C-alpha atoms as a PDB file:
ATOM      1  CA  MET A   1     -14.917   0.506 -21.862  1.00  0.00           C
ATOM      2  CA  LEU A   2     -11.979   0.764 -19.125  1.00  0.00           C
ATOM      3  CA  LEU A   3     -12.739  -2.377 -18.080  1.00  0.00           C
ATOM      4  CA  THR A   4     -12.100  -3.417 -22.071  1.00  0.00           C
ATOM      5  CA  LEU A   5      -8.704  -1.276 -21.839  1.00  0.00           C
ATOM      6  CA  TYR A   6      -7.559  -3.297 -18.507  1.00  0.00           C
ATOM      7  CA  ARG A   7      -8.146  -6.597 -20.052  1.00  0.00           C
ATOM      8  CA  LEU A   8      -6.181  -5.674 -23.178  1.00  0.00           C
ATOM      9  CA  LEU A   9      -3.338  -3.870 -21.272  1.00  0.00           C
ATOM     10  CA  ALA A  10      -3.356  -7.043 -19.250  1.00  0.00           C
ATOM     11  CA  ARG A  11      -2.297  -9.214 -22.191  1.00  0.00           C
ATOM     12  CA  LEU A  12       0.772  -7.335 -23.191  1.00  0.00           C
ATOM     13  CA  PRO A  13       4.226  -8.628 -21.535  1.00  0.00           C
ATOM     14  CA  LEU A  14       5.070  -7.084 -18.442  1.00  0.00           C
ATOM     15  CA  GLY A  15       8.456  -5.368 -20.170  1.00  0.00           C
ATOM     16  CA  TRP A  16       5.834  -3.257 -22.447  1.00  0.00           C
ATOM     17  CA  LEU A  17       3.726  -2.117 -19.580  1.00  0.00           C
ATOM     18  CA  HIS A  18       6.657  -0.940 -17.550  1.00  0.00           C
ATOM     19  CA  GLY A  19       8.220   0.951 -20.410  1.00  0.00           C
ATOM     20  CA  MET A  20       4.570   2.309 -21.353  1.00  0.00           C
ATOM     21  CA  GLY A  21       4.562   3.385 -17.690  1.00  0.00           C
ATOM     22  CA  ARG A  22       7.748   5.175 -17.600  1.00  0.00           C
ATOM     23  CA  MET A  23       6.694   7.319 -20.558  1.00  0.00           C
ATOM     24  CA  LEU A  24       3.227   7.766 -18.746  1.00  0.00           C
ATOM     25  CA  GLY A  25       5.233   8.836 -15.288  1.00  0.00           C
ATOM     26  CA  ARG A  26       7.737  11.493 -17.604  1.00  0.00           C
ATOM     27  CA  VAL A  27       4.585  12.800 -19.298  1.00  0.00           C
ATOM     28  CA  VAL A  28       2.705  13.651 -16.076  1.00  0.00           C
ATOM     29  CA  TYR A  29       5.351  15.154 -14.101  1.00  0.00           C
ATOM     30  CA  ARG A  30       6.069  17.378 -17.096  1.00  0.00           C
ATOM     31  CA  SER A  31       2.645  18.594 -17.538  1.00  0.00           C
ATOM     32  CA  SER A  32       1.490  18.838 -13.923  1.00  0.00           C
ATOM     33  CA  ALA A  33       3.471  21.493 -12.139  1.00  0.00           C
ATOM     34  CA  GLU A  34       1.663  20.633  -8.998  1.00  0.00           C
ATOM     35  CA  TYR A  35       2.241  17.074  -8.947  1.00  0.00           C
ATOM     36  CA  ALA A  36       5.919  17.606  -9.773  1.00  0.00           C
ATOM     37  CA  GLU A  37       6.177  20.056  -7.109  1.00  0.00           C
ATOM     38  CA  ARG A  38       4.250  17.893  -4.659  1.00  0.00           C
ATOM     39  CA  LEU A  39       6.786  15.041  -5.577  1.00  0.00           C
ATOM     40  CA  ARG A  40       9.731  17.047  -5.014  1.00  0.00           C
ATOM     41  CA  ALA A  41       8.761  18.350  -1.654  1.00  0.00           C
ATOM     42  CA  ASN A  42       7.473  15.190  -0.179  1.00  0.00           C
ATOM     43  CA  ALA A  43      10.745  13.109  -1.471  1.00  0.00           C
ATOM     44  CA  ALA A  44      12.820  16.050  -0.235  1.00  0.00           C
ATOM     45  CA  LEU A  45      11.584  15.695   3.485  1.00  0.00           C
ATOM     46  CA  ALA A  46      13.059  11.817   3.596  1.00  0.00           C
ATOM     47  CA  GLY A  47      16.483  13.415   2.124  1.00  0.00           C
ATOM     48  CA  TYR A  48      15.722  12.877  -1.657  1.00  0.00           C
ATOM     49  CA  ARG A  49      16.411  16.400  -3.149  1.00  0.00           C
ATOM     50  CA  ASP A  50      17.950  15.821  -6.626  1.00  0.00           C
ATOM     51  CA  GLU A  51      15.971  16.086  -9.794  1.00  0.00           C
ATOM     52  CA  GLU A  52      17.009  12.655 -10.824  1.00  0.00           C
ATOM     53  CA  PHE A  53      15.687  10.967  -8.509  1.00  0.00           C
ATOM     54  CA  ALA A  54      12.300  12.790  -8.806  1.00  0.00           C
ATOM     55  CA  ARG A  55      11.933  11.693 -12.469  1.00  0.00           C
ATOM     56  CA  ARG A  56      12.754   8.338 -11.631  1.00  0.00           C
ATOM     57  CA  ALA A  57      10.055   8.510  -8.882  1.00  0.00           C
ATOM     58  CA  ALA A  58       7.531   9.470 -11.329  1.00  0.00           C
ATOM     59  CA  GLU A  59       8.628   6.975 -13.644  1.00  0.00           C
ATOM     60  CA  SER A  60       8.068   4.301 -11.290  1.00  0.00           C
ATOM     61  CA  ALA A  61       4.607   5.646 -10.645  1.00  0.00           C
ATOM     62  CA  GLY A  62       3.437   4.967 -14.182  1.00  0.00           C
ATOM     63  CA  GLU A  63       5.010   1.567 -13.974  1.00  0.00           C
ATOM     64  CA  GLY A  64       2.978   1.171 -10.903  1.00  0.00           C
ATOM     65  CA  ALA A  65      -0.286   1.964 -12.897  1.00  0.00           C
ATOM     66  CA  LEU A  66       0.508   0.247 -15.941  1.00  0.00           C
ATOM     67  CA  GLU A  67       1.101  -3.184 -13.997  1.00  0.00           C
ATOM     68  CA  ILE A  68      -2.192  -3.242 -12.362  1.00  0.00           C
ATOM     69  CA  PRO A  69      -4.186  -4.539 -15.104  1.00  0.00           C
ATOM     70  CA  ARG A  70      -1.780  -7.786 -15.285  1.00  0.00           C
ATOM     71  CA  VAL A  71      -2.222  -8.182 -11.716  1.00  0.00           C
ATOM     72  CA  TRP A  72      -5.743  -7.882 -11.928  1.00  0.00           C
ATOM     73  CA  PHE A  73      -6.878 -10.084 -14.889  1.00  0.00           C
ATOM     74  CA  LYS A  74      -3.308 -12.166 -15.313  1.00  0.00           C
ATOM     75  CA  PRO A  75      -3.104 -13.039 -11.486  1.00  0.00           C
ATOM     76  CA  ASP A  76      -1.368 -16.370 -12.002  1.00  0.00           C
ATOM     77  CA  GLN A  77       1.231 -14.903 -14.442  1.00  0.00           C
ATOM     78  CA  ALA A  78       2.001 -12.286 -11.889  1.00  0.00           C
ATOM     79  CA  LEU A  79       2.240 -14.557  -9.160  1.00  0.00           C
ATOM     80  CA  ALA A  80       4.856 -16.966 -10.708  1.00  0.00           C
ATOM     81  CA  GLN A  81       7.316 -13.815 -10.988  1.00  0.00           C
ATOM     82  CA  CYS A  82       7.018 -13.026  -6.995  1.00  0.00           C
ATOM     83  CA  ARG A  83       9.466 -14.510  -4.881  1.00  0.00           C
ATOM     84  CA  SER A  84      10.326 -13.567  -1.067  1.00  0.00           C
ATOM     85  CA  ASP A  85      13.363 -14.179   1.249  1.00  0.00           C
ATOM     86  CA  ASP A  86      11.711 -13.561   4.256  1.00  0.00           C
ATOM     87  CA  TRP A  87       8.297 -15.552   4.264  1.00  0.00           C
ATOM     88  CA  ASP A  88       9.444 -16.977   7.444  1.00  0.00           C
ATOM     89  CA  VAL A  89       8.151 -13.185   9.254  1.00  0.00           C
ATOM     90  CA  VAL A  90       4.603 -14.212   8.573  1.00  0.00           C
ATOM     91  CA  GLN A  91       4.681 -17.935   8.983  1.00  0.00           C
ATOM     92  CA  GLN A  92       5.717 -17.212  12.413  1.00  0.00           C
ATOM     93  CA  ALA A  93       2.876 -14.612  12.622  1.00  0.00           C
ATOM     94  CA  HIS A  94       0.933 -17.227  11.518  1.00  0.00           C
ATOM     95  CA  ASP A  95       1.972 -20.091  14.013  1.00  0.00           C
ATOM     96  CA  GLU A  96       0.892 -17.401  16.790  1.00  0.00           C
ATOM     97  CA  GLY A  97      -2.685 -17.586  16.018  1.00  0.00           C
ATOM     98  CA  LYS A  98      -3.917 -14.158  16.854  1.00  0.00           C
ATOM     99  CA  GLY A  99      -4.018 -12.965  12.946  1.00  0.00           C
ATOM    100  CA  ILE A 100      -2.032 -10.528  11.308  1.00  0.00           C
ATOM    101  CA  LEU A 101      -1.947  -7.244  10.379  1.00  0.00           C
ATOM    102  CA  LEU A 102      -0.371  -6.445   6.917  1.00  0.00           C
ATOM    103  CA  LEU A 103       0.564  -3.101   6.415  1.00  0.00           C
ATOM    104  CA  THR A 104       0.956  -2.369   2.647  1.00  0.00           C
ATOM    105  CA  PRO A 105       2.230   1.462   1.745  1.00  0.00           C
ATOM    106  CA  HIS A 106       2.042   2.900  -1.570  1.00  0.00           C
ATOM    107  CA  LEU A 107       5.507   1.237  -2.401  1.00  0.00           C
ATOM    108  CA  GLY A 108       6.300  -0.878  -5.491  1.00  0.00           C
ATOM    109  CA  CYS A 109       3.299  -3.021  -6.308  1.00  0.00           C
ATOM    110  CA  PHE A 110       1.495  -2.992  -3.632  1.00  0.00           C
ATOM    111  CA  GLU A 111      -1.557  -4.709  -5.717  1.00  0.00           C
ATOM    112  CA  VAL A 112       0.490  -8.082  -5.961  1.00  0.00           C
ATOM    113  CA  ALA A 113       1.621  -8.104  -2.259  1.00  0.00           C
ATOM    114  CA  ALA A 114      -1.995  -8.959  -1.162  1.00  0.00           C
ATOM    115  CA  ARG A 115      -2.357 -11.776  -3.567  1.00  0.00           C
ATOM    116  CA  TYR A 116       1.333 -13.323  -2.784  1.00  0.00           C
ATOM    117  CA  CYS A 117       0.157 -13.414   0.617  1.00  0.00           C
ATOM    118  CA  ALA A 118      -2.926 -14.747  -0.216  1.00  0.00           C
ATOM    119  CA  HIS A 119      -1.471 -17.410  -2.545  1.00  0.00           C
ATOM    120  CA  ARG A 120       0.984 -18.544  -0.286  1.00  0.00           C
ATOM    121  CA  GLY A 121      -0.366 -17.954   3.242  1.00  0.00           C
ATOM    122  CA  GLY A 122      -3.786 -18.382   3.339  1.00  0.00           C
ATOM    123  CA  PRO A 123      -7.309 -16.026   3.407  1.00  0.00           C
ATOM    124  CA  ILE A 124      -6.560 -12.329   3.373  1.00  0.00           C
ATOM    125  CA  THR A 125      -9.450  -9.601   3.913  1.00  0.00           C
ATOM    126  CA  VAL A 126      -8.110  -6.249   2.673  1.00  0.00           C
ATOM    127  CA  LEU A 127      -9.726  -2.827   3.647  1.00  0.00           C
ATOM    128  CA  TYR A 128     -10.159  -0.357   0.640  1.00  0.00           C
ATOM    129  CA  ARG A 129     -12.366   2.808  -0.095  1.00  0.00           C
ATOM    130  CA  PRO A 130     -14.997   2.107  -2.595  1.00  0.00           C
ATOM    131  CA  PRO A 131     -14.736   4.658  -5.743  1.00  0.00           C
ATOM    132  CA  ARG A 132     -18.068   7.063  -5.709  1.00  0.00           C
ATOM    133  CA  LYS A 133     -18.876   5.767  -9.283  1.00  0.00           C
ATOM    134  CA  ALA A 134     -20.789   2.358  -9.496  1.00  0.00           C
ATOM    135  CA  TRP A 135     -18.793   1.322 -12.603  1.00  0.00           C
ATOM    136  CA  MET A 136     -15.426   1.854 -10.937  1.00  0.00           C
ATOM    137  CA  ALA A 137     -16.237   0.404  -7.649  1.00  0.00           C
ATOM    138  CA  GLN A 138     -17.180  -3.059  -9.797  1.00  0.00           C
ATOM    139  CA  LEU A 139     -14.125  -2.785 -11.744  1.00  0.00           C
ATOM    140  CA  VAL A 140     -11.811  -2.121  -8.408  1.00  0.00           C
ATOM    141  CA  GLU A 141     -13.976  -4.558  -6.458  1.00  0.00           C
ATOM    142  CA  GLY A 142     -13.656  -7.252  -9.118  1.00  0.00           C
ATOM    143  CA  GLY A 143      -9.702  -6.856  -9.506  1.00  0.00           C
ATOM    144  CA  ARG A 144      -8.619  -7.001  -5.925  1.00  0.00           C
ATOM    145  CA  ARG A 145     -11.130 -10.057  -4.948  1.00  0.00           C
ATOM    146  CA  GLY A 146      -9.477 -13.852  -5.868  1.00  0.00           C
ATOM    147  CA  PRO A 147      -8.955 -16.980  -4.242  1.00  0.00           C
ATOM    148  CA  ASN A 148      -8.265 -16.554  -0.789  1.00  0.00           C
ATOM    149  CA  LEU A 149      -8.470 -12.627  -1.284  1.00  0.00           C
ATOM    150  CA  ASP A 150     -11.565 -10.583  -0.186  1.00  0.00           C
ATOM    151  CA  THR A 151     -12.356  -6.957   0.263  1.00  0.00           C
ATOM    152  CA  ALA A 152     -14.014  -5.171   3.149  1.00  0.00           C
ATOM    153  CA  PRO A 153     -15.173  -1.537   2.763  1.00  0.00           C
ATOM    154  CA  ALA A 154     -13.677   1.145   4.535  1.00  0.00           C
ATOM    155  CA  ASN A 155     -16.486   1.751   6.925  1.00  0.00           C
ATOM    156  CA  LEU A 156     -17.913   0.590  10.171  1.00  0.00           C
ATOM    157  CA  GLN A 157     -18.997  -2.985   8.448  1.00  0.00           C
ATOM    158  CA  GLY A 158     -16.056  -3.241   7.057  1.00  0.00           C
ATOM    159  CA  VAL A 159     -13.882  -2.517  10.283  1.00  0.00           C
ATOM    160  CA  ARG A 160     -16.129  -5.675  11.515  1.00  0.00           C
ATOM    161  CA  GLN A 161     -15.152  -7.905   9.115  1.00  0.00           C
ATOM    162  CA  LEU A 162     -11.885  -7.011   9.409  1.00  0.00           C
ATOM    163  CA  VAL A 163     -12.105  -7.840  13.363  1.00  0.00           C
ATOM    164  CA  ARG A 164     -13.934 -11.210  12.720  1.00  0.00           C
ATOM    165  CA  ALA A 165     -11.038 -12.206  10.126  1.00  0.00           C
ATOM    166  CA  LEU A 166      -8.635 -11.288  13.119  1.00  0.00           C
ATOM    167  CA  ARG A 167     -10.200 -13.283  15.368  1.00  0.00           C
ATOM    168  CA  ARG A 168     -10.324 -16.581  13.191  1.00  0.00           C
ATOM    169  CA  GLY A 169      -6.436 -16.147  12.860  1.00  0.00           C
ATOM    170  CA  GLU A 170      -6.411 -14.893   9.372  1.00  0.00           C
ATOM    171  CA  ALA A 171      -4.962 -11.945   8.074  1.00  0.00           C
ATOM    172  CA  ILE A 172      -5.960  -8.441   6.756  1.00  0.00           C
ATOM    173  CA  GLY A 173      -4.270  -6.064   4.591  1.00  0.00           C
ATOM    174  CA  ILE A 174      -4.738  -2.125   5.278  1.00  0.00           C
ATOM    175  CA  LEU A 175      -2.784   0.683   3.110  1.00  0.00           C
ATOM    176  CA  PRO A 176      -1.640   2.395   6.034  1.00  0.00           C
ATOM    177  CA  ASP A 177      -0.324   5.637   4.550  1.00  0.00           C
ATOM    178  CA  GLN A 178      -3.814   6.769   3.046  1.00  0.00           C
ATOM    179  CA  VAL A 179      -5.135  10.057   4.569  1.00  0.00           C
ATOM    180  CA  PRO A 180      -7.833   9.013   6.891  1.00  0.00           C
ATOM    181  CA  GLY A 181     -10.793  11.030   7.232  1.00  0.00           C
ATOM    182  CA  ASN A 182     -12.008  13.428   9.854  1.00  0.00           C
ATOM    183  CA  GLY A 183     -11.964  11.886  13.345  1.00  0.00           C
ATOM    184  CA  GLU A 184     -10.151   8.882  12.109  1.00  0.00           C
ATOM    185  CA  GLY A 185      -6.683   9.800  12.612  1.00  0.00           C
ATOM    186  CA  VAL A 186      -3.921  11.803  14.402  1.00  0.00           C
ATOM    187  CA  TRP A 187      -1.127  13.791  13.494  1.00  0.00           C
ATOM    188  CA  ALA A 188       2.112  11.761  13.911  1.00  0.00           C
ATOM    189  CA  PRO A 189       5.460  12.613  12.251  1.00  0.00           C
ATOM    190  CA  PHE A 190       6.162  10.598   8.785  1.00  0.00           C
ATOM    191  CA  PHE A 191       9.580  11.703   7.756  1.00  0.00           C
ATOM    192  CA  GLY A 192       9.786  14.337  10.053  1.00  0.00           C
ATOM    193  CA  LYS A 193       6.653  16.214   9.337  1.00  0.00           C
ATOM    194  CA  PRO A 194       3.293  16.112  10.789  1.00  0.00           C
ATOM    195  CA  ALA A 195       0.675  13.799   8.531  1.00  0.00           C
ATOM    196  CA  PHE A 196      -3.029  12.900   9.394  1.00  0.00           C
ATOM    197  CA  SER A 197      -2.303   9.102   9.948  1.00  0.00           C
ATOM    198  CA  MET A 198      -4.886   6.373  10.885  1.00  0.00           C
ATOM    199  CA  VAL A 199      -5.663   4.938  14.084  1.00  0.00           C
ATOM    200  CA  LEU A 200      -7.183   1.949  12.902  1.00  0.00           C
ATOM    201  CA  PRO A 201      -4.072  -0.161  12.622  1.00  0.00           C
ATOM    202  CA  GLY A 202      -2.964   0.430  15.705  1.00  0.00           C
ATOM    203  CA  ARG A 203      -6.424  -0.011  17.596  1.00  0.00           C
ATOM    204  CA  LEU A 204      -7.241  -3.463  15.964  1.00  0.00           C
ATOM    205  CA  ALA A 205      -3.309  -4.739  17.324  1.00  0.00           C
ATOM    206  CA  ALA A 206      -3.987  -3.491  20.733  1.00  0.00           C
ATOM    207  CA  GLN A 207      -7.688  -5.019  20.638  1.00  0.00           C
ATOM    208  CA  THR A 208      -6.938  -8.303  19.035  1.00  0.00           C
ATOM    209  CA  GLY A 209      -3.002  -9.132  19.627  1.00  0.00           C
ATOM    210  CA  ALA A 210      -2.495  -9.577  15.959  1.00  0.00           C
ATOM    211  CA  ALA A 211       1.396  -9.311  14.672  1.00  0.00           C
ATOM    212  CA  VAL A 212       1.743  -6.161  12.727  1.00  0.00           C
ATOM    213  CA  VAL A 213       3.821  -7.021   9.496  1.00  0.00           C
ATOM    214  CA  LEU A 214       4.945  -4.372   6.928  1.00  0.00           C
ATOM    215  CA  VAL A 215       4.685  -5.434   3.271  1.00  0.00           C
ATOM    216  CA  ALA A 216       6.094  -4.470   0.074  1.00  0.00           C
ATOM    217  CA  ALA A 217       6.248  -5.649  -3.198  1.00  0.00           C
ATOM    218  CA  GLU A 218       9.847  -4.274  -4.813  1.00  0.00           C
ATOM    219  CA  ARG A 219       9.563  -3.894  -8.517  1.00  0.00           C
ATOM    220  CA  LEU A 220      12.296  -5.556 -10.244  1.00  0.00           C
ATOM    221  CA  SER A 221      14.480  -4.411 -13.181  1.00  0.00           C
ATOM    222  CA  GLY A 222      14.073  -5.677 -16.713  1.00  0.00           C
ATOM    223  CA  ALA A 223      10.876  -6.955 -15.874  1.00  0.00           C
ATOM    224  CA  GLN A 224      11.568  -9.796 -13.743  1.00  0.00           C
ATOM    225  CA  GLY A 225       8.712  -9.118 -11.457  1.00  0.00           C
ATOM    226  CA  TRP A 226       8.493  -8.334  -7.607  1.00  0.00           C
ATOM    227  CA  LYS A 227      10.759  -9.278  -4.563  1.00  0.00           C
ATOM    228  CA  ILE A 228       8.072  -8.993  -1.813  1.00  0.00           C
ATOM    229  CA  HIS A 229       9.827  -7.686   1.524  1.00  0.00           C
ATOM    230  CA  PHE A 230       8.300  -8.302   4.627  1.00  0.00           C
ATOM    231  CA  ALA A 231       9.287  -6.653   8.310  1.00  0.00           C
ATOM    232  CA  ARG A 232       7.429  -7.144  11.948  1.00  0.00           C
ATOM    233  CA  LEU A 233       6.866  -4.225  14.170  1.00  0.00           C
ATOM    234  CA  PRO A 234       8.681  -4.710  16.964  1.00  0.00           C
ATOM    235  CA  GLY A 235       6.084  -5.136  20.260  1.00  0.00           C
ATOM    236  CA  PRO A 236       4.603  -4.280  22.366  1.00  0.00           C
ATOM    237  CA  VAL A 237       1.929  -2.103  20.576  1.00  0.00           C
ATOM    238  CA  PRO A 238       2.107   1.644  22.169  1.00  0.00           C
ATOM    239  CA  GLU A 239      -0.695   2.537  24.543  1.00  0.00           C
ATOM    240  CA  THR A 240      -1.777   6.120  22.907  1.00  0.00           C
ATOM    241  CA  ALA A 241      -3.546   6.666  19.514  1.00  0.00           C
ATOM    242  CA  GLU A 242      -0.552   9.060  18.634  1.00  0.00           C
ATOM    243  CA  ASP A 243       2.376   6.644  19.837  1.00  0.00           C
ATOM    244  CA  GLN A 244       0.466   3.899  17.751  1.00  0.00           C
ATOM    245  CA  ALA A 245       0.570   6.152  14.723  1.00  0.00           C
ATOM    246  CA  THR A 246       4.202   6.962  15.017  1.00  0.00           C
ATOM    247  CA  TRP A 247       5.178   3.436  15.945  1.00  0.00           C
ATOM    248  CA  VAL A 248       3.484   2.422  12.376  1.00  0.00           C
ATOM    249  CA  ASN A 249       5.003   5.625  10.545  1.00  0.00           C
ATOM    250  CA  ALA A 250       8.359   4.597  11.613  1.00  0.00           C
ATOM    251  CA  GLY A 251       8.052   1.206  10.407  1.00  0.00           C
ATOM    252  CA  MET A 252       7.030   2.510   6.912  1.00  0.00           C
ATOM    253  CA  GLU A 253       9.982   4.779   6.845  1.00  0.00           C
ATOM    254  CA  ALA A 254      12.059   1.773   7.047  1.00  0.00           C
ATOM    255  CA  MET A 255      10.202  -0.221   4.322  1.00  0.00           C
ATOM    256  CA  ILE A 256      10.192   2.894   2.216  1.00  0.00           C
ATOM    257  CA  ARG A 257      14.147   3.526   2.633  1.00  0.00           C
ATOM    258  CA  ARG A 258      14.203  -0.230   0.908  1.00  0.00           C
ATOM    259  CA  CYS A 259      13.654   0.943  -2.550  1.00  0.00           C
ATOM    260  CA  PRO A 260      12.516   4.600  -2.063  1.00  0.00           C
ATOM    261  CA  GLU A 261      12.033   5.743  -5.831  1.00  0.00           C
ATOM    262  CA  GLN A 262       9.079   3.079  -5.579  1.00  0.00           C
ATOM    263  CA  TYR A 263       7.129   5.093  -3.208  1.00  0.00           C
ATOM    264  CA  LEU A 264       4.279   7.010  -4.445  1.00  0.00           C
ATOM    265  CA  TRP A 265       5.578  10.642  -3.443  1.00  0.00           C
ATOM    266  CA  GLY A 266       3.521  12.502  -5.362  1.00  0.00           C
ATOM    267  CA  TYR A 267       0.683  11.073  -3.200  1.00  0.00           C
ATOM    268  CA  ASN A 268      -0.657  14.514  -1.014  1.00  0.00           C
ATOM    269  CA  ARG A 269       0.211  12.770   2.045  1.00  0.00           C
ATOM    270  CA  TYR A 270       0.198  15.825   4.511  1.00  0.00           C
ATOM    271  CA  LYS A 271      -3.118  17.206   3.626  1.00  0.00           C
ATOM    272  CA  ALA A 272      -5.840  17.761   6.294  1.00  0.00           C
ATOM    273  CA  PRO A 273      -9.162  16.263   6.094  1.00  0.00           C
ATOM    274  CA  LYS A 274     -12.098  18.876   5.938  1.00  0.00           C
ATOM    275  CA  GLY A 275     -12.513  20.348   9.196  1.00  0.00           C
ATOM    276  CA  GLU A 276      -9.313  18.663  11.071  1.00  0.00           C
ATOM    277  CA  PRO A 277      -7.768  21.470  13.110  1.00  0.00           C
ATOM    278  CA  PRO A 278      -3.897  21.625  11.893  1.00  0.00           C
ATOM    279  CA  PRO A 279      -1.406  19.934  13.762  1.00  0.00           C
ATOM    280  CA  MET A 280      -0.009  21.560  16.753  1.00  0.00           C
ATOM    281  CA  ARG A 281       3.422  23.196  16.177  1.00  0.00           C
END
């Protein structure tokens, strides 16, 4: 049933999807006190404290949710509405031949960012956490795969798949602001507050010499599509896991500030995995 709904939504104009998404975002913001409080608190850490910003961020989250069906099931139409002024960042990294880590925070339309990179730059393997329900996993995996675009599960087998792709000089994609599992992260500052952060991006960069590039697809007003931004993290890769995570988080902060209302401030970024000791104060 959900697959049918997604296919129906994909047929609607992007402007309709965004309009319905803004309405959905407002409803969720007003009906869930816990969500609204977390969104405001997380945004305030980055200096965005006014209520109007929080409401716009909630609307943006709704837009992001309802544009996913179009990206998954009408990819050619979605790609036709993408543009970028700094693709040379990726091209230079490709020319170095050591692979690219494309780090895409929960900012703007992160689903279309991977498709754009695969369409323009060649093969990319995206790490993802499979949903627990089989029918949902089938939907997500099918939607995220496409020409030059493959997926790898967030487990040891998937990490090996990523390493092989980098060794071939290809690109891989990771959502670096997902809270990792117990034993898979370190505490590092994110907008000034300790957040349990992935160690995988830093380890892969240090192990393979791959370039590390932040990516974000900024949602344009008036249903004009998306502008894809790229920013390479400066080298060299820090030595310790804590410094590597801090390095990645700082890069994400800078990218988020380009279009801060489009970040998923309602995501529970500062939670600790079960069994993980709290950060040292």
